[in-house]
C-alpha atoms as a PDB file:
ATOM      1  CA  MET A   1      63.218  87.495  71.074  1.00  0.00           C
ATOM      2  CA  THR A   2      64.355  86.953  74.777  1.00  0.00           C
ATOM      3  CA  ILE A   3      67.794  86.713  75.071  1.00  0.00           C
ATOM      4  CA  ARG A   4      68.565  85.079  78.542  1.00  0.00           C
ATOM      5  CA  ASN A   5      72.013  84.730  80.178  1.00  0.00           C
ATOM      6  CA  ALA A   6      72.190  81.708  82.351  1.00  0.00           C
ATOM      7  CA  GLY A   7      76.165  82.632  82.850  1.00  0.00           C
ATOM      8  CA  ARG A   8      77.592  83.970  86.083  1.00  0.00           C
ATOM      9  CA  ARG A   9      78.753  87.227  84.798  1.00  0.00           C
ATOM     10  CA  ALA A  10      77.325  89.965  81.972  1.00  0.00           C
ATOM     11  CA  VAL A  11      77.618  89.445  78.537  1.00  0.00           C
ATOM     12  CA  ALA A  12      77.237  92.435  76.136  1.00  0.00           C
ATOM     13  CA  LEU A  13      75.606  91.739  72.385  1.00  0.00           C
ATOM     14  CA  THR A  14      78.112  93.207  70.044  1.00  0.00           C
ATOM     15  CA  ALA A  15      76.949  92.760  66.522  1.00  0.00           C
ATOM     16  CA  VAL A  16      73.888  91.336  64.687  1.00  0.00           C
ATOM     17  CA  GLN A  17      73.597  90.234  61.414  1.00  0.00           C
ATOM     18  CA  VAL A  18      70.310  89.439  59.515  1.00  0.00           C
ATOM     19  CA  GLU A  19      70.007  87.380  56.487  1.00  0.00           C
ATOM     20  CA  GLY A  20      69.777  89.716  53.477  1.00  0.00           C
ATOM     21  CA  ALA A  21      69.363  92.952  55.256  1.00  0.00           C
ATOM     22  CA  LYS A  22      71.963  95.618  54.131  1.00  0.00           C
ATOM     23  CA  ASP A  23      71.589  97.645  57.678  1.00  0.00           C
ATOM     24  CA  VAL A  24      70.825  95.999  61.227  1.00  0.00           C
ATOM     25  CA  ARG A  25      70.497  98.505  63.932  1.00  0.00           C
ATOM     26  CA  LEU A  26      69.468  97.771  67.576  1.00  0.00           C
ATOM     27  CA  LEU A  27      67.548 100.672  68.847  1.00  0.00           C
ATOM     28  CA  ASP A  28      66.071 101.366  72.349  1.00  0.00           C
ATOM     29  CA  ALA A  29      62.482 102.597  73.619  1.00  0.00           C
ATOM     30  CA  TYR A  30      63.431 105.917  73.909  1.00  0.00           C
ATOM     31  CA  GLY A  31      65.015 106.868  70.180  1.00  0.00           C
ATOM     32  CA  GLY A  32      68.461 108.657  70.024  1.00  0.00           C
ATOM     33  CA  PRO A  33      71.603 106.735  67.887  1.00  0.00           C
ATOM     34  CA  PRO A  34      71.702 102.992  67.542  1.00  0.00           C
ATOM     35  CA  LEU A  35      73.124 101.416  70.588  1.00  0.00           C
ATOM     36  CA  ARG A  36      76.724  99.952  70.044  1.00  0.00           C
ATOM     37  CA  GLN A  37      76.342  97.159  72.361  1.00  0.00           C
ATOM     38  CA  LEU A  38      73.279  95.606  74.933  1.00  0.00           C
ATOM     39  CA  THR A  39      74.437  94.223  78.424  1.00  0.00           C
ATOM     40  CA  ILE A  40      72.772  91.215  79.393  1.00  0.00           C
ATOM     41  CA  PRO A  41      73.363  90.971  83.516  1.00  0.00           C
ATOM     42  CA  ALA A  42      74.184  87.789  84.885  1.00  0.00           C
ATOM     43  CA  GLN A  43      71.427  85.345  85.489  1.00  0.00           C
ATOM     44  CA  SER A  44      68.752  87.613  83.832  1.00  0.00           C
ATOM     45  CA  ARG A  45      66.877  88.216  80.439  1.00  0.00           C
ATOM     46  CA  ILE A  46      66.930  90.863  77.998  1.00  0.00           C
ATOM     47  CA  ARG A  47      63.390  90.933  75.967  1.00  0.00           C
ATOM     48  CA  LEU A  48      63.857  92.834  72.307  1.00  0.00           C
ATOM     49  CA  GLU A  49      60.056  94.019  71.209  1.00  0.00           C
ATOM     50  CA  PRO A  50      58.328  96.942  69.599  1.00  0.00           C
ATOM     51  CA  GLY A  51      57.913  99.620  71.619  1.00  0.00           C
ATOM     52  CA  GLY A  52      61.071  98.959  73.812  1.00  0.00           C
ATOM     53  CA  THR A  53      64.671  97.668  72.596  1.00  0.00           C
ATOM     54  CA  HIS A  54      64.441  96.569  69.129  1.00  0.00           C
ATOM     55  CA  LEU A  55      66.521  95.433  66.088  1.00  0.00           C
ATOM     56  CA  GLU A  56      65.599  97.278  63.022  1.00  0.00           C
ATOM     57  CA  PHE A  57      66.807  96.283  59.743  1.00  0.00           C
ATOM     58  CA  THR A  58      66.429  97.584  56.032  1.00  0.00           C
ATOM     59  CA  GLY A  59      67.534  96.985  52.491  1.00  0.00           C
ATOM     60  CA  MET A  60      66.014  93.415  52.135  1.00  0.00           C
ATOM     61  CA  PRO A  61      66.428  91.868  48.852  1.00  0.00           C
ATOM     62  CA  ARG A  62      62.322  90.974  49.213  1.00  0.00           C
ATOM     63  CA  SER A  63      59.618  91.754  51.118  1.00  0.00           C
ATOM     64  CA  LEU A  64      58.860  89.492  54.081  1.00  0.00           C
ATOM     65  CA  VAL A  65      55.482  87.906  54.400  1.00  0.00           C
ATOM     66  CA  ALA A  66      53.944  85.791  57.286  1.00  0.00           C
ATOM     67  CA  GLY A  67      55.145  82.279  57.399  1.00  0.00           C
ATOM     68  CA  ASP A  68      58.962  82.955  56.028  1.00  0.00           C
ATOM     69  CA  SER A  69      61.629  82.580  58.364  1.00  0.00           C
ATOM     70  CA  ILE A  70      64.938  84.715  58.257  1.00  0.00           C
ATOM     71  CA  ALA A  71      68.383  84.024  59.759  1.00  0.00           C
ATOM     72  CA  ILE A  72      69.640  86.260  62.546  1.00  0.00           C
ATOM     73  CA  GLU A  73      73.079  85.719  64.333  1.00  0.00           C
ATOM     74  CA  LEU A  74      74.286  87.170  67.369  1.00  0.00           C
ATOM     75  CA  ARG A  75      77.424  87.895  68.558  1.00  0.00           C
ATOM     76  CA  PHE A  76      78.661  88.242  72.193  1.00  0.00           C
ATOM     77  CA  ASP A  77      81.753  89.848  73.812  1.00  0.00           C
ATOM     78  CA  SER A  78      82.196  86.443  75.220  1.00  0.00           C
ATOM     79  CA  GLY A  79      82.944  85.245  71.524  1.00  0.00           C
ATOM     80  CA  THR A  80      79.789  83.314  71.574  1.00  0.00           C
ATOM     81  CA  GLN A  81      77.799  83.506  68.211  1.00  0.00           C
ATOM     82  CA  LEU A  82      74.418  82.244  67.993  1.00  0.00           C
ATOM     83  CA  THR A  83      72.791  81.801  64.346  1.00  0.00           C
ATOM     84  CA  PHE A  84      69.088  80.769  64.614  1.00  0.00           C
ATOM     85  CA  GLN A  85      65.941  80.835  62.300  1.00  0.00           C
ATOM     86  CA  ALA A  86      63.374  83.577  63.226  1.00  0.00           C
ATOM     87  CA  PRO A  87      59.871  83.024  62.251  1.00  0.00           C
ATOM     88  CA  VAL A  88      58.263  86.491  60.089  1.00  0.00           C
ATOM     89  CA  VAL A  89      54.658  86.941  62.166  1.00  0.00           C
ATOM     90  CA  PRO A  90      52.169  89.268  60.835  1.00  0.00           C
ATOM     91  CA  PRO A  91      51.938  93.043  62.672  1.00  0.00           C
ATOM     92  CA  ILE A  92      49.368  92.821  65.249  1.00  0.00           C
ATOM     93  CA  ASN A  93      47.450  95.715  63.576  1.00  0.00           C
ATOM     94  CA  ALA A  94      47.271  93.302  60.078  1.00  0.00           C
ATOM     95  CA  VAL A  95      45.467  90.899  62.425  1.00  0.00           C
ATOM     96  CA  ILE A  96      42.915  93.097  64.096  1.00  0.00           C
ATOM     97  CA  PRO A  97      41.552  96.291  63.010  1.00  0.00           C
ATOM     98  CA  SER A  98      42.360  99.373  65.335  1.00  0.00           C
ATOM     99  CA  VAL A  99      39.305 100.943  66.974  1.00  0.00           C
ATOM    100  CA  ALA A 100      40.110 104.308  65.060  1.00  0.00           C
ATOM    101  CA  ASN A 101      39.690 102.382  61.639  1.00  0.00           C
ATOM    102  CA  LEU A 102      36.342 100.967  62.830  1.00  0.00           C
ATOM    103  CA  VAL A 103      35.517 104.381  63.643  1.00  0.00           C
ATOM    104  CA  TRP A 104      36.118 105.643  60.099  1.00  0.00           C
ATOM    105  CA  TRP A 105      34.693 102.830  58.943  1.00  0.00           C
ATOM    106  CA  CYS A 106      31.367 103.304  60.432  1.00  0.00           C
ATOM    107  CA  ALA A 107      31.535 107.120  59.974  1.00  0.00           C
ATOM    108  CA  SER A 108      31.942 106.578  55.953  1.00  0.00           C
ATOM    109  CA  LEU A 109      29.034 104.259  56.088  1.00  0.00           C
ATOM    110  CA  THR A 110      26.517 106.230  57.961  1.00  0.00           C
ATOM    111  CA  GLY A 111      26.530 109.027  54.899  1.00  0.00           C
ATOM    112  CA  HIS A 112      24.011 111.274  55.004  1.00  0.00           C
ATOM    113  CA  ASP A 113      20.692 108.851  55.040  1.00  0.00           C
ATOM    114  CA  GLY A 114      19.445 109.792  58.315  1.00  0.00           C
ATOM    115  CA  MET A 115      20.158 109.226  62.262  1.00  0.00           C
ATOM    116  CA  GLU A 116      18.658 105.754  62.316  1.00  0.00           C
ATOM    117  CA  ARG A 117      21.666 104.591  59.938  1.00  0.00           C
ATOM    118  CA  SER A 118      23.978 106.499  62.291  1.00  0.00           C
ATOM    119  CA  TYR A 119      22.541 104.670  65.450  1.00  0.00           C
ATOM    120  CA  PHE A 120      22.657 101.383  63.810  1.00  0.00           C
ATOM    121  CA  TRP A 121      26.545 102.169  62.886  1.00  0.00           C
ATOM    122  CA  VAL A 122      27.434 103.249  66.142  1.00  0.00           C
ATOM    123  CA  GLY A 123      25.986 100.289  67.716  1.00  0.00           C
ATOM    124  CA  VAL A 124      27.988  97.997  65.666  1.00  0.00           C
ATOM    125  CA  LEU A 125      30.984  99.716  66.725  1.00  0.00           C
ATOM    126  CA  LEU A 126      30.567  99.794  70.312  1.00  0.00           C
ATOM    127  CA  ALA A 127      29.603  95.751  69.420  1.00  0.00           C
ATOM    128  CA  PHE A 128      33.390  95.589  67.761  1.00  0.00           C
ATOM    129  CA  VAL A 129      35.341  97.365  70.910  1.00  0.00           C
ATOM    130  CA  PRO A 130      35.286  94.561  73.254  1.00  0.00           C
ATOM    131  CA  VAL A 131      36.070  92.256  70.911  1.00  0.00           C
ATOM    132  CA  GLY A 132      38.809  94.432  69.233  1.00  0.00           C
ATOM    133  CA  VAL A 133      40.006  94.882  73.128  1.00  0.00           C
ATOM    134  CA  PHE A 134      40.137  91.369  74.368  1.00  0.00           C
ATOM    135  CA  GLY A 135      41.065  89.897  70.830  1.00  0.00           C
ATOM    136  CA  THR A 136      44.331  91.895  70.910  1.00  0.00           C
ATOM    137  CA  ILE A 137      44.879  90.830  74.736  1.00  0.00           C
ATOM    138  CA  ALA A 138      44.123  87.213  73.616  1.00  0.00           C
ATOM    139  CA  VAL A 139      46.643  87.589  70.553  1.00  0.00           C
ATOM    140  CA  LEU A 140      49.446  89.281  72.366  1.00  0.00           C
ATOM    141  CA  VAL A 141      49.144  86.608  75.249  1.00  0.00           C
ATOM    142  CA  ALA A 142      49.125  83.862  72.595  1.00  0.00           C
ATOM    143  CA  ARG A 143      51.986  85.701  70.586  1.00  0.00           C
ATOM    144  CA  GLY A 144      54.321  86.306  73.627  1.00  0.00           C
ATOM    145  CA  ALA A 145      53.832  82.682  74.786  1.00  0.00           C
ATOM    146  CA  TYR A 146      55.234  81.519  71.355  1.00  0.00           C
ATOM    147  CA  HIS A 147      57.787  83.526  71.150  1.00  0.00           C
ATOM    148  CA  SER A 148      59.007  83.123  74.935  1.00  0.00           C
ATOM    149  CA  ILE A 149      58.812  79.181  74.062  1.00  0.00           C
ATOM    150  CA  HIS A 150      60.981  79.249  70.871  1.00  0.00           C
ATOM    151  CA  SER A 151      63.285  82.008  71.875  1.00  0.00           C
ATOM    152  CA  ASP A 152      64.320  80.870  74.689  1.00  0.00           C
ATOM    153  CA  ALA A 153      64.687  77.370  73.613  1.00  0.00           C
ATOM    154  CA  ALA A 154      66.914  78.751  71.056  1.00  0.00           C
ATOM    155  CA  LEU A 155      69.247  81.089  73.215  1.00  0.00           C
ATOM    156  CA  ARG A 156      70.032  79.293  76.107  1.00  0.00           C
ATOM    157  CA  ALA A 157      73.388  78.270  74.670  1.00  0.00           C
ATOM    158  CA  VAL A 158      74.221  82.145  75.258  1.00  0.00           C
ATOM    159  CA  GLY A 159      74.821  81.644  79.046  1.00  0.00           C
ATOM    160  CA  SER A 160      75.565  78.085  78.761  1.00  0.00           C
ATOM    161  CA  ALA A 161      78.628  79.347  76.327  1.00  0.00           C
ATOM    162  CA  ASP A 162      79.576  81.782  79.018  1.00  0.00           C
ATOM    163  CA  SER A 163      79.522  79.576  82.164  1.00  0.00           C
END
């Protein structure tokens, strides 16, 4: 999710509610205690994403599956409240298996039937590495474009309400 502040002064995200979640925390990439607020400087944007500053919510009444959507409400120190529907997407590791999983899979198939079988499965692994790497890059680029298009349009109101 990208939060863009088109206003002339900084705004701070002070509260987040997620539909059905018992607990929502705003965390930064470095660990530590949850952030009390997140400042978005004037004329800039902040991206919430895995591995960086992100939201963590727990206590959902049901499991989320790809294709679902959940309501998220953002509250800012300017008094602006923004509610939108966020699509649930599969985690990247569910879309493309990791190289470590491929190594384990190939090693388990080699068994003790001779070196020829081992060479065959190592060849299969080597063939899948470029597919996995470039496939992952393609999925990340497409996913980033999708989220940028959909989240920026929904979140433009944050800065305009502050202007």
